[in-house]
Protein backbone atom coordinates (compact mmCIF):
# COMPACT_ATOMS: atom_id res chain seq x y z
CA MET A 1 0.00 0.00 0.00
CA ILE A 2 2.82 2.41 0.84
CA CYS A 3 4.50 1.69 -2.48
CA ALA A 4 1.21 2.23 -4.35
CA ASN A 5 0.67 5.56 -2.55
CA LEU A 6 4.18 6.63 -3.50
CA MET A 7 3.58 5.72 -7.12
CA LEU A 8 0.26 7.62 -7.22
CA ARG A 9 1.52 10.79 -5.51
CA GLY A 10 4.83 10.81 -7.34
CA GLY A 11 3.19 10.26 -10.69
CA GLY A 12 0.60 12.96 -9.98
CA ALA A 13 3.25 15.47 -8.94
CA VAL A 14 5.29 14.87 -12.09
CA LEU A 15 2.19 15.27 -14.25
CA LEU A 16 1.24 18.50 -12.47
CA LEU A 17 4.71 19.97 -12.94
CA LEU A 18 4.61 19.17 -16.64
CA VAL A 19 1.22 20.91 -17.01
CA LEU A 20 2.27 24.02 -15.06
CA SER A 21 5.59 24.30 -16.86
CA GLY A 22 3.69 24.46 -20.13
CA GLN A 23 0.88 26.72 -18.90
CA PRO A 24 2.08 28.77 -15.89
CA ASP A 25 -0.86 31.18 -16.27
CA LEU A 26 -3.11 28.55 -14.70
CA LEU A 27 -1.74 29.54 -11.29
CA GLN A 28 -3.60 32.86 -11.39
CA TYR A 29 -6.89 31.00 -10.98
CA LEU A 30 -5.66 29.71 -7.61
CA GLY A 31 -5.20 33.08 -5.88
CA ALA A 32 -4.00 36.63 -6.07
CA ASN A 33 -0.57 36.04 -4.54
CA ALA A 34 2.07 33.29 -4.42
CA SER A 35 1.30 32.09 -0.87
CA ARG A 36 -2.43 31.73 -1.59
CA GLN A 37 -1.64 29.95 -4.87
CA ALA A 38 0.63 27.47 -3.07
CA ILE A 39 -2.03 26.67 -0.45
CA ASN A 40 -4.83 26.28 -2.99
CA LEU A 41 -2.60 24.23 -5.32
CA HIS A 42 -1.86 21.83 -2.48
CA LEU A 43 -5.55 21.49 -1.62
CA ALA A 44 -6.59 21.04 -5.25
CA PHE A 45 -3.83 18.49 -5.87
CA ASN A 46 -4.92 16.37 -2.91
CA ALA A 47 -8.59 16.57 -3.89
CA VAL A 48 -7.93 15.47 -7.46
CA LEU A 49 -5.54 12.78 -6.22
CA ALA A 50 -8.19 11.40 -3.85
CA LEU A 51 -10.70 11.11 -6.69
CA ALA A 52 -8.14 9.44 -8.94
CA ALA A 53 -7.14 7.05 -6.18
CA LEU A 54 -10.65 5.61 -6.00
CA GLY A 55 -10.16 3.95 -9.36
CA LEU A 56 -6.40 3.45 -9.40
CA ILE A 57 -5.33 2.44 -5.91
CA HIS A 58 -6.22 -1.27 -6.28
CA PRO A 59 -4.47 -1.76 -9.65
CA LEU A 60 -1.43 0.15 -8.38
CA SER A 61 -1.36 -1.86 -5.15
CA ALA A 62 -1.45 -5.09 -7.15
CA LEU A 63 1.31 -3.86 -9.47
CA SER A 64 3.57 -2.73 -6.62
CA ALA A 65 3.00 -6.00 -4.75
CA LYS A 66 3.91 -7.97 -7.85
CA LEU A 67 7.09 -5.96 -8.38
CA ILE A 68 8.17 -6.36 -4.76
CA THR A 69 7.34 -10.09 -4.74
CA SER A 70 9.21 -10.67 -7.99
CA ALA A 71 12.30 -8.97 -6.64
CA SER A 72 12.06 -10.96 -3.40
CA ASP A 73 11.57 -14.25 -5.25
CA LYS A 74 14.56 -13.56 -7.46
CA GLU A 75 16.74 -12.92 -4.42
CA THR A 76 15.43 -16.07 -2.71
CA ASN A 77 16.08 -18.22 -5.78
CA THR A 78 19.59 -16.83 -6.06
CA LEU A 79 20.31 -17.77 -2.46
CA ALA A 80 18.78 -21.22 -2.92
CA GLU A 81 21.11 -22.03 -5.80
CA ILE A 82 24.35 -21.51 -3.89
CA SER A 83 26.44 -24.66 -4.22
CA ALA A 84 27.77 -26.48 -1.17
CA LEU A 85 30.93 -27.43 -3.09
CA ASP A 86 33.73 -25.47 -1.43
CA PRO A 87 36.57 -24.48 -3.79
CA ASN A 88 38.67 -23.51 -0.78
CA ALA A 89 38.62 -27.12 0.43
CA LEU A 90 40.28 -28.61 -2.64
CA ASP A 91 43.56 -28.88 -0.73
CA ARG A 92 41.77 -30.52 2.21
CA PRO A 93 40.16 -33.63 0.71
CA GLY A 94 38.28 -34.67 3.86
CA ARG A 95 36.49 -31.36 4.09
CA GLY A 96 35.98 -31.35 0.33
CA LEU A 97 34.24 -34.72 0.48
CA ASP A 98 32.02 -33.44 3.29
CA SER A 99 30.94 -30.53 1.10
CA THR A 100 30.27 -33.00 -1.72
CA ALA A 101 27.98 -34.98 0.57
CA ARG A 102 26.09 -31.78 1.38
CA GLU A 103 25.68 -31.03 -2.31
CA LEU A 104 24.40 -34.56 -2.91
CA LEU A 105 21.76 -33.97 -0.25
CA ARG A 106 20.66 -30.79 -2.06
CA MET A 107 20.52 -32.77 -5.29
CA GLY A 108 18.41 -35.48 -3.68
CA GLN A 109 15.99 -32.96 -2.20
CA LYS A 110 15.39 -31.43 -5.62
CA ILE A 111 14.62 -34.86 -7.08
CA GLU A 112 12.28 -35.60 -4.19
CA GLY A 113 10.39 -32.41 -5.05
CA MET A 114 10.23 -33.43 -8.71
CA LEU A 115 8.77 -36.82 -7.82
CA ASN A 116 6.19 -35.31 -5.48
CA ALA A 117 5.10 -32.87 -8.19
CA THR A 118 4.78 -35.58 -10.84
CA GLY A 119 2.11 -37.69 -9.11
CA PRO A 120 -0.78 -35.20 -9.51
CA LEU A 121 -0.05 -34.90 -13.24
CA TYR A 122 -1.38 -38.44 -13.71
CA ASP A 123 -4.82 -37.10 -12.76
CA HIS A 124 -4.72 -33.56 -14.15
CA TRP A 125 -2.03 -32.51 -16.61
CA ASP A 126 -0.45 -29.14 -15.84
CA SER A 127 1.95 -27.79 -18.47
CA ALA A 128 3.40 -25.20 -16.12
CA ALA A 129 4.16 -27.84 -13.48
CA ALA A 130 5.71 -30.11 -16.11
CA THR A 131 7.92 -27.25 -17.31
CA ALA A 132 9.05 -26.57 -13.74
CA ILE A 133 9.95 -30.24 -13.30
CA ARG A 134 11.99 -30.22 -16.51
CA GLU A 135 13.82 -27.08 -15.39
CA GLN A 136 14.60 -28.75 -12.09
CA ASP A 137 16.02 -31.73 -13.99
CA LYS A 138 18.39 -29.36 -15.78
CA THR A 139 19.53 -28.08 -12.39
CA VAL A 140 20.06 -31.64 -11.16
CA LYS A 141 22.17 -32.46 -14.22
CA LYS A 142 24.23 -29.32 -13.61
CA ILE A 143 24.82 -30.33 -9.99
CA HIS A 144 25.81 -33.84 -11.10
CA PHE A 145 28.34 -32.44 -13.56
CA GLU A 146 29.77 -30.06 -10.96
CA ILE A 147 30.11 -32.87 -8.43
CA LYS A 148 32.03 -35.04 -10.92
CA LEU A 149 34.32 -32.13 -11.76
CA TYR A 150 34.85 -31.27 -8.10
CA LEU A 151 35.73 -34.87 -7.18
CA ALA A 152 38.17 -35.03 -10.09
CA GLN A 153 39.86 -31.87 -8.83
CA LEU A 154 40.04 -33.30 -5.31
CA GLY A 155 41.80 -36.38 -6.63
CA ARG A 156 44.50 -34.58 -8.57
CA GLY A 157 46.78 -34.36 -5.56
CA GLY A 158 46.24 -38.00 -4.70
CA LEU A 159 43.93 -39.44 -2.06
CA ASP A 160 44.64 -42.11 0.53
CA GLU A 161 42.72 -45.38 0.29
CA ASP A 162 39.84 -44.37 2.56
CA LEU A 163 39.31 -40.97 0.98
CA GLY A 164 39.62 -42.43 -2.50
CA LYS A 165 36.98 -45.02 -1.70
CA ARG A 166 34.64 -42.40 -0.28
CA SER A 167 35.13 -40.25 -3.37
CA MET A 168 34.09 -43.18 -5.58
CA GLU A 169 31.04 -43.84 -3.39
CA LEU A 170 29.88 -40.24 -3.65
CA ALA A 171 30.39 -40.24 -7.40
CA GLY A 172 28.32 -43.42 -7.68
CA ILE A 173 25.47 -41.95 -5.63
CA SER A 174 25.52 -38.81 -7.77
CA THR A 175 25.23 -40.90 -10.93
CA ALA A 176 22.35 -42.91 -9.46
CA LEU A 177 20.44 -39.79 -8.39
CA GLU A 178 20.92 -38.16 -11.79
CA ALA A 179 19.47 -41.31 -13.38
CA ALA A 180 16.43 -41.03 -11.07
CA SER A 181 15.86 -37.45 -12.17
CA ASP A 182 16.17 -38.52 -15.79
CA THR A 183 13.58 -41.27 -15.24
CA ILE A 184 11.11 -38.76 -13.83
CA VAL A 185 11.39 -36.48 -16.86
CA ARG A 186 11.85 -38.98 -19.67
CA SER A 187 9.43 -41.62 -18.42
CA LEU A 188 6.93 -40.44 -15.80
CA LEU A 189 6.25 -37.03 -17.36
CA THR A 190 5.94 -38.60 -20.79
CA LEU A 191 3.51 -41.22 -19.52
CA ALA A 192 1.38 -38.67 -17.66
CA LYS A 193 1.17 -36.49 -20.76
CA ARG A 194 0.35 -39.49 -22.91
CA ARG A 195 -2.57 -40.44 -20.67
CA GLU A 196 -3.93 -36.92 -20.98
CA SER A 197 -3.39 -36.76 -24.76
CA GLU A 198 -5.07 -40.11 -25.37
CA GLY A 199 -7.99 -39.17 -23.11
CA VAL A 200 -7.88 -42.46 -21.21
CA ALA A 201 -8.29 -43.11 -17.49
CA PHE A 202 -6.99 -45.78 -15.15
CA SER A 203 -9.39 -48.19 -13.56
CA GLU A 204 -10.16 -47.29 -9.96
CA VAL A 205 -8.15 -50.26 -8.71
CA GLY A 206 -5.27 -49.51 -11.05
CA ARG A 207 -5.07 -45.86 -10.01
CA ASP A 208 -5.12 -46.84 -6.33
CA GLU A 209 -2.27 -49.28 -6.96
CA ILE A 210 -0.16 -46.59 -8.61
CA ASN A 211 -0.90 -44.12 -5.80
CA ASP A 212 0.04 -46.64 -3.13
CA PHE A 213 3.20 -47.64 -4.96
CA LEU A 214 4.17 -43.99 -5.43
CA ASP A 215 3.63 -43.37 -1.70
CA ARG A 216 5.92 -46.31 -0.91
CA VAL A 217 8.67 -45.00 -3.19
CA GLN A 218 8.31 -41.46 -1.84
CA GLY A 219 8.71 -42.82 1.68
CA ASN A 220 11.91 -44.61 0.68
CA VAL A 221 13.24 -41.48 -1.02
CA HIS A 222 12.65 -39.54 2.18
CA LEU A 223 14.41 -42.29 4.16
CA ALA A 224 17.36 -42.13 1.76
CA LEU A 225 17.74 -38.40 2.38
CA ASN A 226 17.70 -39.02 6.13
CA VAL A 227 20.39 -41.68 5.73
CA MET A 228 22.50 -39.25 3.71
CA MET A 229 22.41 -36.90 6.70
CA ASN A 230 22.73 -39.23 9.66
CA GLN A 231 24.72 -42.15 8.13
CA ASN A 232 22.79 -44.44 10.48
CA PRO A 233 23.54 -48.14 9.73
CA ALA A 234 20.12 -49.34 10.96
CA GLU A 235 18.29 -46.94 8.68
CA ALA A 236 20.68 -47.77 5.85
CA ARG A 237 19.72 -51.44 6.27
CA ASP A 238 16.03 -50.50 6.20
CA LEU A 239 16.62 -48.57 3.01
CA VAL A 240 18.42 -51.41 1.23
CA GLU A 241 15.89 -53.98 2.41
CA ALA A 242 13.12 -51.72 1.12
CA LYS A 243 14.60 -52.10 -2.35
CA GLU A 244 13.75 -55.82 -2.33
CA LYS A 245 10.30 -55.13 -0.91
CA VAL A 246 9.59 -52.64 -3.68
CA ARG A 247 10.74 -55.13 -6.29
CA ALA A 248 8.38 -57.78 -4.86
CA VAL A 249 5.46 -55.34 -4.69
CA GLU A 250 6.06 -54.20 -8.26
CA GLN A 251 5.98 -57.78 -9.51
CA LYS A 252 2.74 -58.40 -7.60
CA LEU A 253 1.12 -55.27 -9.05
CA GLN A 254 2.18 -56.28 -12.55
CA ARG A 255 0.47 -59.65 -12.03
CA ASN A 256 -2.65 -57.93 -10.73
CA HIS A 257 -2.75 -55.75 -13.81
CA LEU A 258 -2.41 -58.73 -16.14
CA GLY A 259 -5.27 -60.35 -14.27
CA ARG A 260 -7.52 -57.36 -14.99
CA LEU A 261 -6.51 -57.54 -18.64
CA ARG A 262 -7.59 -61.17 -18.78
CA GLU A 263 -10.93 -60.16 -17.29
CA GLY A 264 -11.36 -57.66 -20.13
CA LEU A 265 -11.61 -54.53 -17.95
CA ALA A 266 -11.78 -51.70 -20.50
CA GLU A 267 -9.85 -49.09 -18.49
CA SER A 268 -7.04 -51.54 -17.80
CA ILE A 269 -6.73 -52.38 -21.49
CA GLU A 270 -6.63 -48.72 -22.56
CA THR A 271 -3.97 -47.76 -20.00
CA SER A 272 -2.06 -51.04 -19.91
CA SER A 273 1.34 -49.87 -21.16
CA ILE A 274 1.14 -46.60 -19.18
CA HIS A 275 0.34 -48.54 -16.02
CA GLN A 276 3.13 -51.08 -16.42
CA GLU A 277 5.79 -48.57 -17.46
CA THR A 278 4.89 -46.30 -14.55
CA LEU A 279 5.42 -49.12 -12.07
CA ARG A 280 8.78 -50.00 -13.65
CA SER A 281 9.92 -46.38 -13.61
CA LEU A 282 9.01 -45.93 -9.95
CA LYS A 283 10.94 -49.09 -9.13
CA GLN A 284 13.99 -47.68 -10.95
CA ILE A 285 13.78 -44.44 -8.98
CA ASN A 286 13.57 -46.42 -5.73
CA THR A 287 16.60 -48.48 -6.73
CA ALA A 288 18.59 -45.32 -7.46
CA PHE A 289 17.96 -43.88 -4.00
CA SER A 290 18.67 -47.20 -2.30
CA MET A 291 22.29 -46.82 -3.45
CA VAL A 292 22.73 -44.34 -0.60
CA GLY A 293 22.66 -47.18 1.92
CA TYR A 294 25.19 -49.58 0.39
CA PRO A 295 28.45 -47.76 1.28
CA ILE A 296 27.34 -47.49 4.93
CA LEU A 297 26.53 -51.20 5.16
CA ALA A 298 29.78 -52.06 3.42
CA ARG A 299 31.73 -50.17 6.09
CA THR A 300 29.87 -51.90 8.93
CA GLY A 301 30.23 -55.32 7.31
CA ASP A 302 26.48 -55.87 7.08
CA LEU A 303 26.59 -56.60 3.37
CA LEU A 304 28.80 -59.60 4.02
CA LYS A 305 26.47 -60.96 6.71
CA SER A 306 23.29 -60.94 4.72
CA ARG A 307 21.74 -61.43 1.30
CA LEU A 308 21.71 -57.64 0.80
CA SER A 309 24.94 -57.91 -1.19
């Protein structure tokens, strides 16, 4: 409101000055002397401004709010894109690897947001949301490239065995997460758009299955991000074990779908390939995030004690 008032008064004052500079004789109608003219000009200006404000204050308030919000959003986005990769830590590999782990967490959080935003598109396609997801994928690919470059720079001076192994683990996780982002854009977005373009709908049972499976994968993605932060072996084991559970559930859901096809359910027939490819893609995303747990279990020896290896 303050900004809108400033715009209205400032604009009115400029306009008044332009008019008076072109026709100074108008001042004589406001009084016989300079002091009376100044007082009457001030009163007349405020009266005209009040009338004009009745029709302009709301549009100007909206415009000023939009300008302020846009500037604020731009500043926020700039801050959000600051990389955790520390160029000053290149001569201290341990600290450099810690900053890489932080950047991997940022990468994973972006992919989690992409996955969460993709689910609703299977019900109602939103081009703006799809564009935002694709733009986020570009950011993820940029982060992946920067991580690979940073790790290569860290290794130029030579790393001891433990640091070298950790560097390889982080590079592997980065590759897996980038593949998950790619699956969201190349597969899930394409399938959601295809359903909308073909004008088909999932059967009620089929849509529930996809929703439940998506919820399961989203839960495992969230767990993976927690494991990236806390490096907890118990949670890492849960994450890796969840990979096998997801694989078993996906196979069961594929069998259920084939059963509906045999029964001749029209919706299942129309959306068959979309349904099956969606399940496979979600399983791939889950597998990518499960890679976070393997290095932790390898260090604790759990992989050697179980079938997880």
